[in-house]
Amino acid sequence: MTATVFLLSWQACVLLCLAMPRHCMDMLPGRRLNRLQQRGLQLLAALALLSAPVLAIQADGPGIGLACWLGILSLVIMAQALLLAWRPKWSLWGLAGSLPLLTVVQF
């Protein structure tokens, strides 16, 4: 379950970064998203970010689940910040790699 929470948090962070014009230009050079695409990415990120703590709470209970989710979220945000500063395109590879993994990881 922890892997699923990690992957959902990772996807949410990447989608939020893609919804921001500056990070989108870093990850996808020469590509600008319109307002509707940005809102769609923000909505998908919100859904992923809200479903991650729900899964953590179901797995470990409210006390441990929320603490576990916050710890995972901090690691994901730190990794995302370092990747955006160093190799922005690698975040997209992480997003593409996490999508098939979510189907393999058991809920």
C-alpha atoms as a PDB file:
ATOM      1  CA  MET A   1       0.000   0.000   0.000  1.00  0.00           C
ATOM      2  CA  THR A   2       2.889   2.344   0.698  1.00  0.00           C
ATOM      3  CA  ALA A   3       4.063   1.991  -2.900  1.00  0.00           C
ATOM      4  CA  THR A   4       0.623   2.991  -4.155  1.00  0.00           C
ATOM      5  CA  VAL A   5       0.582   6.036  -1.887  1.00  0.00           C
ATOM      6  CA  PHE A   6       4.053   6.971  -3.114  1.00  0.00           C
ATOM      7  CA  LEU A   7       3.090   6.608  -6.779  1.00  0.00           C
ATOM      8  CA  LEU A   8      -0.114   8.611  -6.383  1.00  0.00           C
ATOM      9  CA  SER A   9       1.758  11.383  -4.567  1.00  0.00           C
ATOM     10  CA  TRP A  10       4.443  11.371  -7.263  1.00  0.00           C
ATOM     11  CA  GLN A  11       1.856  11.664 -10.020  1.00  0.00           C
ATOM     12  CA  ALA A  12       0.099  14.491  -8.205  1.00  0.00           C
ATOM     13  CA  CYS A  13       3.333  16.474  -7.864  1.00  0.00           C
ATOM     14  CA  VAL A  14       4.295  15.980 -11.510  1.00  0.00           C
ATOM     15  CA  LEU A  15       0.815  16.960 -12.682  1.00  0.00           C
ATOM     16  CA  LEU A  16       0.878  20.068 -10.508  1.00  0.00           C
ATOM     17  CA  CYS A  17       4.267  21.006 -11.954  1.00  0.00           C
ATOM     18  CA  LEU A  18       2.962  20.523 -15.481  1.00  0.00           C
ATOM     19  CA  ALA A  19       0.024  22.808 -14.674  1.00  0.00           C
ATOM     20  CA  MET A  20       2.451  25.664 -13.894  1.00  0.00           C
ATOM     21  CA  PRO A  21       3.635  27.539 -17.016  1.00  0.00           C
ATOM     22  CA  ARG A  22       7.276  27.847 -15.943  1.00  0.00           C
ATOM     23  CA  HIS A  23       7.728  24.197 -15.055  1.00  0.00           C
ATOM     24  CA  CYS A  24       5.782  23.124 -18.122  1.00  0.00           C
ATOM     25  CA  MET A  25       8.224  25.063 -20.314  1.00  0.00           C
ATOM     26  CA  ASP A  26      11.121  23.367 -18.505  1.00  0.00           C
ATOM     27  CA  MET A  27       9.664  19.872 -18.920  1.00  0.00           C
ATOM     28  CA  LEU A  28       8.178  20.350 -22.394  1.00  0.00           C
ATOM     29  CA  PRO A  29      10.245  23.010 -24.205  1.00  0.00           C
ATOM     30  CA  GLY A  30       8.272  25.045 -26.709  1.00  0.00           C
ATOM     31  CA  ARG A  31       4.906  23.844 -25.404  1.00  0.00           C
ATOM     32  CA  ARG A  32       2.374  26.079 -23.682  1.00  0.00           C
ATOM     33  CA  LEU A  33      -0.806  24.735 -22.178  1.00  0.00           C
ATOM     34  CA  ASN A  34      -4.048  26.651 -22.430  1.00  0.00           C
ATOM     35  CA  ARG A  35      -6.191  27.456 -19.400  1.00  0.00           C
ATOM     36  CA  LEU A  36      -8.454  24.423 -19.842  1.00  0.00           C
ATOM     37  CA  GLN A  37      -5.493  22.034 -19.997  1.00  0.00           C
ATOM     38  CA  GLN A  38      -3.986  23.618 -16.883  1.00  0.00           C
ATOM     39  CA  ARG A  39      -7.261  23.231 -14.988  1.00  0.00           C
ATOM     40  CA  GLY A  40      -7.542  19.619 -16.114  1.00  0.00           C
ATOM     41  CA  LEU A  41      -4.048  18.843 -14.841  1.00  0.00           C
ATOM     42  CA  GLN A  42      -4.818  20.589 -11.556  1.00  0.00           C
ATOM     43  CA  LEU A  43      -8.011  18.552 -11.163  1.00  0.00           C
ATOM     44  CA  LEU A  44      -6.200  15.261 -11.848  1.00  0.00           C
ATOM     45  CA  ALA A  45      -3.472  16.242  -9.392  1.00  0.00           C
ATOM     46  CA  ALA A  46      -6.045  17.079  -6.734  1.00  0.00           C
ATOM     47  CA  LEU A  47      -7.755  13.722  -7.220  1.00  0.00           C
ATOM     48  CA  ALA A  48      -4.448  11.859  -6.919  1.00  0.00           C
ATOM     49  CA  LEU A  49      -3.397  13.930  -3.918  1.00  0.00           C
ATOM     50  CA  LEU A  50      -6.709  13.345  -2.131  1.00  0.00           C
ATOM     51  CA  SER A  51      -6.834   9.623  -2.857  1.00  0.00           C
ATOM     52  CA  ALA A  52      -3.332   8.955  -1.483  1.00  0.00           C
ATOM     53  CA  PRO A  53      -4.137   9.721   2.195  1.00  0.00           C
ATOM     54  CA  VAL A  54      -7.416   7.827   1.919  1.00  0.00           C
ATOM     55  CA  LEU A  55      -5.508   4.701   0.881  1.00  0.00           C
ATOM     56  CA  ALA A  56      -2.934   5.249   3.629  1.00  0.00           C
ATOM     57  CA  ILE A  57      -5.675   5.614   6.241  1.00  0.00           C
ATOM     58  CA  GLN A  58      -7.423   2.459   5.008  1.00  0.00           C
ATOM     59  CA  ALA A  59      -4.187   0.512   5.233  1.00  0.00           C
ATOM     60  CA  ASP A  60      -2.780   1.714   8.559  1.00  0.00           C
ATOM     61  CA  GLY A  61      -5.528   3.592  10.396  1.00  0.00           C
ATOM     62  CA  PRO A  62      -5.860   7.349  10.804  1.00  0.00           C
ATOM     63  CA  GLY A  63      -2.877   8.016  13.079  1.00  0.00           C
ATOM     64  CA  ILE A  64      -0.205   5.985  11.322  1.00  0.00           C
ATOM     65  CA  GLY A  65      -1.737   6.404   7.856  1.00  0.00           C
ATOM     66  CA  LEU A  66      -1.642  10.200   7.909  1.00  0.00           C
ATOM     67  CA  ALA A  67       1.869  10.251   9.371  1.00  0.00           C
ATOM     68  CA  CYS A  68       3.050   7.792   6.727  1.00  0.00           C
ATOM     69  CA  TRP A  69       1.411   9.819   3.946  1.00  0.00           C
ATOM     70  CA  LEU A  70       2.980  13.076   5.158  1.00  0.00           C
ATOM     71  CA  GLY A  71       6.405  11.431   5.288  1.00  0.00           C
ATOM     72  CA  ILE A  72       5.994  10.036   1.785  1.00  0.00           C
ATOM     73  CA  LEU A  73       4.704  13.385   0.534  1.00  0.00           C
ATOM     74  CA  SER A  74       7.770  15.163   1.940  1.00  0.00           C
ATOM     75  CA  LEU A  75      10.101  12.732   0.186  1.00  0.00           C
ATOM     76  CA  VAL A  76       8.205  13.120  -3.079  1.00  0.00           C
ATOM     77  CA  ILE A  77       8.242  16.914  -2.913  1.00  0.00           C
ATOM     78  CA  MET A  78      11.971  16.967  -2.107  1.00  0.00           C
ATOM     79  CA  ALA A  79      12.759  14.611  -4.998  1.00  0.00           C
ATOM     80  CA  GLN A  80      10.547  16.627  -7.325  1.00  0.00           C
ATOM     81  CA  ALA A  81      12.251  19.908  -6.351  1.00  0.00           C
ATOM     82  CA  LEU A  82      15.698  18.410  -6.924  1.00  0.00           C
ATOM     83  CA  LEU A  83      14.667  16.929 -10.265  1.00  0.00           C
ATOM     84  CA  LEU A  84      13.129  20.199 -11.457  1.00  0.00           C
ATOM     85  CA  ALA A  85      16.340  22.034 -10.635  1.00  0.00           C
ATOM     86  CA  TRP A  86      18.653  19.438 -12.148  1.00  0.00           C
ATOM     87  CA  ARG A  87      16.871  17.467 -14.906  1.00  0.00           C
ATOM     88  CA  PRO A  88      13.274  18.662 -15.448  1.00  0.00           C
ATOM     89  CA  LYS A  89      12.495  16.132 -18.185  1.00  0.00           C
ATOM     90  CA  TRP A  90      13.255  13.228 -15.861  1.00  0.00           C
ATOM     91  CA  SER A  91      10.086  14.047 -13.928  1.00  0.00           C
ATOM     92  CA  LEU A  92       8.075  13.126 -16.995  1.00  0.00           C
ATOM     93  CA  TRP A  93       9.860   9.773 -17.189  1.00  0.00           C
ATOM     94  CA  GLY A  94       8.870   9.208 -13.585  1.00  0.00           C
ATOM     95  CA  LEU A  95       5.259  10.007 -14.438  1.00  0.00           C
ATOM     96  CA  ALA A  96       5.283   7.684 -17.437  1.00  0.00           C
ATOM     97  CA  GLY A  97       6.922   4.926 -15.404  1.00  0.00           C
ATOM     98  CA  SER A  98       4.524   5.258 -12.484  1.00  0.00           C
ATOM     99  CA  LEU A  99       1.369   4.797 -14.557  1.00  0.00           C
ATOM    100  CA  PRO A 100       2.026   1.115 -15.436  1.00  0.00           C
ATOM    101  CA  LEU A 101       3.283   0.455 -11.907  1.00  0.00           C
ATOM    102  CA  LEU A 102      -0.045   1.527 -10.438  1.00  0.00           C
ATOM    103  CA  THR A 103      -1.749  -1.271 -12.335  1.00  0.00           C
ATOM    104  CA  VAL A 104       0.742  -3.812 -10.962  1.00  0.00           C
ATOM    105  CA  VAL A 105       0.748  -2.623  -7.343  1.00  0.00           C
ATOM    106  CA  GLN A 106      -2.063  -4.247  -5.416  1.00  0.00           C
ATOM    107  CA  PHE A 107      -4.536  -1.886  -3.751  1.00  0.00           C
END
